[in-house]
Amino acid sequence: MKSLVDRWALVTGASRGIGQQVAQALAAEGCRLILHSRTLEATASLARRLRKQGATVHTVAAELSHSDAVERLAEEVSALCGTLDILYNNAAIMTPYHASYLTVVPAEYELSFRVNTLAPIILSNHFLPKMVAQGWGRIVNVTSGIKDQPELMAYAASKAALDKFVYDTAPKLAGTGVTMNLLDPGWLRTDLGGPNAPGAVESVLPGALVPVLATDGISGRWISAQDYAGV
């Protein structure tokens, strides 16, 4: 019997790439899905396909660089499902690569932190209380293994801040039935990763489901999807 049947799952950035792969996998596990993208049109095709396969699917749209829009998104999701069971914070932006790390401008840091750090934190803190109250929940924050590339420091720093949020929140979740963990997908050929990445986007599975399916109650882990590629 599948353990996720009828669980409500929100996947941000679900229109393509890793988010689309995760959404498809959660649907196969029996989840009821809420697919986020910047526009409703972006997830329309995926939603139709998953519905034809028998999944319950809703679509929502929000620009995650605006905190008020993120808060409205959280309220809309709550109105749709009551208590969210699975929050998959996948959406992110990649700032431009700079020839010199000294030319990374403050505006790039600000935008990166708004989308890659603050939006996942707002969503996590919104849904955590009800997850804890019901005694079950899964929050997965997609991170990055990027390092030693200060030319992409705005992106890297925003992901590092998200990691810190997860690590420091983890002890508070012990014994609650709710877990919050990090998923490093690896460097994949997506719109964010670019065409030169060594990994196919499909290789994010089955690893991307490990933090959702895990039953040991442990939070604060860094899970590398590529450790499970081909399994």
Protein backbone atom coordinates (compact mmCIF):
# COMPACT_ATOMS: atom_id res chain seq x y z
CA MET A 1 0.00 0.00 0.00
CA LYS A 2 1.33 3.42 -0.93
CA SER A 3 1.99 5.59 2.12
CA LEU A 4 1.25 8.92 0.43
CA VAL A 5 -2.21 8.17 -0.96
CA ASP A 6 -4.49 11.23 -0.61
CA ARG A 7 -1.76 13.34 1.01
CA TRP A 8 -1.90 16.96 -0.14
CA ALA A 9 1.36 18.17 -1.69
CA LEU A 10 2.39 21.63 -2.87
CA VAL A 11 5.26 21.71 -5.36
CA THR A 12 6.65 25.15 -6.15
CA GLY A 13 8.20 25.71 -9.54
CA ALA A 14 6.30 22.71 -10.89
CA SER A 15 6.01 23.72 -14.53
CA ARG A 16 9.32 22.25 -15.67
CA GLY A 17 12.58 20.65 -14.66
CA ILE A 18 12.96 19.20 -11.18
CA GLY A 19 9.58 20.46 -10.02
CA GLN A 20 7.80 18.70 -12.85
CA GLN A 21 9.66 15.46 -12.12
CA VAL A 22 8.74 15.67 -8.44
CA ALA A 23 5.10 16.43 -9.21
CA GLN A 24 4.83 13.44 -11.52
CA ALA A 25 6.43 11.16 -8.94
CA LEU A 26 4.15 12.36 -6.13
CA ALA A 27 1.11 11.83 -8.35
CA ALA A 28 2.27 8.26 -8.98
CA GLU A 29 2.39 7.78 -5.20
CA GLY A 30 -1.24 8.84 -4.91
CA CYS A 31 -0.82 12.40 -3.69
CA ARG A 32 -3.34 15.13 -4.33
CA LEU A 33 -1.34 17.90 -5.94
CA ILE A 34 -1.19 21.67 -5.90
CA LEU A 35 1.15 22.84 -8.64
CA HIS A 36 2.73 26.28 -8.39
CA SER A 37 4.27 28.36 -11.13
CA ARG A 38 4.47 32.04 -11.99
CA THR A 39 1.44 31.72 -14.28
CA LEU A 40 -1.43 29.27 -14.43
CA GLU A 41 -0.70 28.65 -18.10
CA ALA A 42 2.75 27.28 -17.27
CA THR A 43 1.37 24.26 -15.39
CA ALA A 44 -1.80 23.74 -17.45
CA SER A 45 -0.35 21.01 -19.66
CA LEU A 46 1.14 19.06 -16.74
CA ALA A 47 -2.10 19.36 -14.79
CA ARG A 48 -4.13 17.99 -17.70
CA ARG A 49 -1.75 15.08 -18.13
CA LEU A 50 -1.82 14.14 -14.45
CA ARG A 51 -5.60 14.42 -14.27
CA LYS A 52 -5.89 12.01 -17.19
CA GLN A 53 -3.83 9.60 -15.10
CA GLY A 54 -6.36 9.90 -12.29
CA ALA A 55 -4.66 12.44 -10.04
CA THR A 56 -6.39 15.26 -8.19
CA VAL A 57 -4.62 18.43 -9.31
CA HIS A 58 -5.04 22.14 -8.59
CA THR A 59 -2.88 24.92 -10.01
CA VAL A 60 -1.85 28.16 -8.35
CA ALA A 61 0.26 31.09 -9.48
CA ALA A 62 2.46 33.53 -7.59
CA GLU A 63 5.58 35.61 -8.08
CA LEU A 64 7.83 34.44 -5.25
CA SER A 65 10.03 37.53 -5.28
CA HIS A 66 7.23 39.44 -3.51
CA SER A 67 6.63 38.42 0.10
CA ASP A 68 3.00 39.55 0.07
CA ALA A 69 2.36 37.32 -2.96
CA VAL A 70 3.96 34.38 -1.13
CA GLU A 71 1.71 34.96 1.86
CA ARG A 72 -1.36 35.09 -0.40
CA LEU A 73 -0.20 31.86 -2.03
CA ALA A 74 -0.01 30.18 1.37
CA GLU A 75 -3.55 31.29 2.20
CA GLU A 76 -4.84 30.10 -1.19
CA VAL A 77 -3.27 26.68 -0.70
CA SER A 78 -4.72 26.41 2.80
CA ALA A 79 -8.16 27.25 1.42
CA LEU A 80 -7.80 24.49 -1.17
CA CYS A 81 -6.65 21.68 1.08
CA GLY A 82 -7.14 22.65 4.70
CA THR A 83 -3.97 21.08 6.08
CA LEU A 84 -1.06 20.64 3.69
CA ASP A 85 0.86 17.40 4.19
CA ILE A 86 3.87 17.88 1.91
CA LEU A 87 5.61 21.14 1.02
CA TYR A 88 8.23 20.79 -1.70
CA ASN A 89 10.08 24.10 -1.96
CA ASN A 90 11.65 23.66 -5.37
CA ALA A 91 11.28 27.04 -7.11
CA ALA A 92 14.47 29.07 -7.42
CA ILE A 93 16.24 31.57 -9.61
CA MET A 94 19.84 31.58 -10.81
CA THR A 95 21.58 34.93 -11.10
CA PRO A 96 23.87 35.69 -14.06
CA TYR A 97 27.42 34.36 -14.11
CA HIS A 98 29.93 37.18 -13.67
CA ALA A 99 33.35 37.25 -15.27
CA SER A 100 34.59 38.76 -12.01
CA TYR A 101 33.14 37.89 -8.63
CA LEU A 102 33.67 41.52 -7.63
CA THR A 103 30.92 42.62 -10.02
CA VAL A 104 28.08 40.70 -8.34
CA VAL A 105 25.73 43.54 -7.43
CA PRO A 106 23.57 43.94 -4.29
CA ALA A 107 20.35 43.75 -6.31
CA GLU A 108 21.23 40.19 -7.32
CA TYR A 109 21.69 39.20 -3.70
CA GLU A 110 18.37 40.77 -2.79
CA LEU A 111 16.44 39.00 -5.56
CA SER A 112 18.11 35.66 -4.84
CA PHE A 113 17.31 35.85 -1.15
CA ARG A 114 13.70 36.84 -1.81
CA VAL A 115 13.01 33.84 -4.05
CA ASN A 116 15.47 31.20 -2.86
CA THR A 117 15.43 31.86 0.88
CA LEU A 118 12.60 34.04 2.11
CA ALA A 119 9.80 32.45 0.05
CA PRO A 120 10.55 28.90 1.30
CA ILE A 121 10.80 30.20 4.87
CA ILE A 122 7.45 32.00 4.64
CA LEU A 123 5.76 28.91 3.23
CA SER A 124 7.40 26.57 5.75
CA ASN A 125 6.44 28.69 8.74
CA HIS A 126 2.88 29.03 7.46
CA PHE A 127 2.25 25.30 7.09
CA LEU A 128 4.34 23.95 9.99
CA PRO A 129 1.85 24.58 12.83
CA LYS A 130 -0.95 22.54 11.23
CA MET A 131 1.48 19.80 10.23
CA VAL A 132 2.66 19.55 13.83
CA ALA A 133 -0.93 19.63 15.09
CA GLN A 134 -1.88 16.66 12.90
CA GLY A 135 1.32 14.78 13.77
CA TRP A 136 2.57 14.33 10.19
CA GLY A 137 4.21 16.48 7.57
CA ARG A 138 7.11 16.67 5.16
CA ILE A 139 8.95 19.80 4.09
CA VAL A 140 11.67 19.45 1.47
CA ASN A 141 13.84 22.43 0.57
CA VAL A 142 15.82 22.06 -2.63
CA THR A 143 19.38 23.23 -2.08
CA SER A 144 22.58 23.27 -4.12
CA GLY A 145 26.02 21.75 -3.83
CA ILE A 146 27.59 24.73 -5.57
CA LYS A 147 30.87 25.88 -4.01
CA ASP A 148 34.06 27.76 -4.85
CA GLN A 149 32.25 29.82 -7.49
CA PRO A 150 32.02 33.37 -6.13
CA GLU A 151 30.94 34.47 -9.60
CA LEU A 152 27.56 32.95 -8.63
CA MET A 153 27.74 34.08 -5.02
CA ALA A 154 24.26 35.63 -4.88
CA TYR A 155 22.69 32.27 -5.72
CA ALA A 156 25.08 30.26 -3.55
CA ALA A 157 24.62 32.50 -0.52
CA SER A 158 20.84 32.34 -0.77
CA LYS A 159 20.95 28.54 -0.76
CA ALA A 160 23.39 28.52 2.17
CA ALA A 161 20.98 30.68 4.16
CA LEU A 162 18.16 28.24 3.37
CA ASP A 163 20.36 25.39 4.60
CA LYS A 164 20.91 27.23 7.89
CA PHE A 165 17.15 27.67 8.32
CA VAL A 166 16.65 23.92 7.94
CA TYR A 167 19.51 22.92 10.24
CA ASP A 168 18.43 25.25 13.04
CA THR A 169 14.72 24.41 12.76
CA ALA A 170 15.34 20.66 12.77
CA PRO A 171 15.67 20.17 16.57
CA LYS A 172 12.30 21.84 17.12
CA LEU A 173 10.62 19.16 15.00
CA ALA A 174 11.99 16.14 16.86
CA GLY A 175 9.20 13.82 17.92
CA THR A 176 6.46 15.77 16.12
CA GLY A 177 6.00 13.47 13.13
CA VAL A 178 7.03 16.37 10.89
CA THR A 179 10.37 16.46 9.10
CA MET A 180 12.22 19.20 7.24
CA ASN A 181 15.19 18.23 5.10
CA LEU A 182 17.35 19.40 2.21
CA LEU A 183 17.46 17.83 -1.24
CA ASP A 184 20.52 18.39 -3.41
CA PRO A 185 19.42 17.37 -6.92
CA GLY A 186 22.90 17.52 -8.41
CA TRP A 187 23.93 19.52 -11.46
CA LEU A 188 21.23 18.75 -13.98
CA ARG A 189 20.32 19.84 -17.49
CA THR A 190 17.46 22.19 -16.64
CA ASP A 191 16.71 25.81 -17.44
CA LEU A 192 18.52 26.70 -14.21
CA GLY A 193 21.38 24.20 -14.53
CA GLY A 194 22.02 24.88 -18.20
CA PRO A 195 22.79 22.62 -21.18
CA ASN A 196 26.32 21.72 -20.06
CA ALA A 197 25.28 20.01 -16.84
CA PRO A 198 26.31 16.33 -16.67
CA GLY A 199 23.05 14.93 -15.34
CA ALA A 200 19.67 14.37 -16.98
CA VAL A 201 16.78 15.92 -15.09
CA GLU A 202 15.19 12.47 -14.77
CA SER A 203 18.10 11.38 -12.56
CA VAL A 204 16.66 13.44 -9.70
CA LEU A 205 14.38 10.44 -9.13
CA PRO A 206 13.96 8.37 -7.07
CA GLY A 207 16.21 10.36 -4.73
CA ALA A 208 13.90 13.37 -4.67
CA LEU A 209 11.26 11.27 -2.93
CA VAL A 210 13.56 9.97 -0.18
CA PRO A 211 12.91 12.88 2.22
CA VAL A 212 9.16 12.50 1.65
CA LEU A 213 8.98 8.74 2.09
CA ALA A 214 11.43 8.47 5.01
CA THR A 215 9.75 7.28 8.21
CA ASP A 216 12.56 7.70 10.76
CA GLY A 217 11.42 11.18 11.82
CA ILE A 218 14.85 12.76 11.35
CA SER A 219 15.12 16.38 10.23
CA GLY A 220 18.07 18.50 9.17
CA ARG A 221 19.56 16.06 6.69
CA TRP A 222 21.26 16.84 3.38
CA ILE A 223 20.05 14.23 0.91
CA SER A 224 21.84 13.92 -2.43
CA ALA A 225 19.48 12.74 -5.15
CA GLN A 226 22.35 11.43 -7.25
CA ASP A 227 23.17 8.88 -4.55
CA TYR A 228 19.99 7.11 -5.62
CA ALA A 229 20.20 7.63 -9.38
CA GLY A 230 19.59 4.41 -11.26
CA VAL A 231 18.24 2.59 -8.20
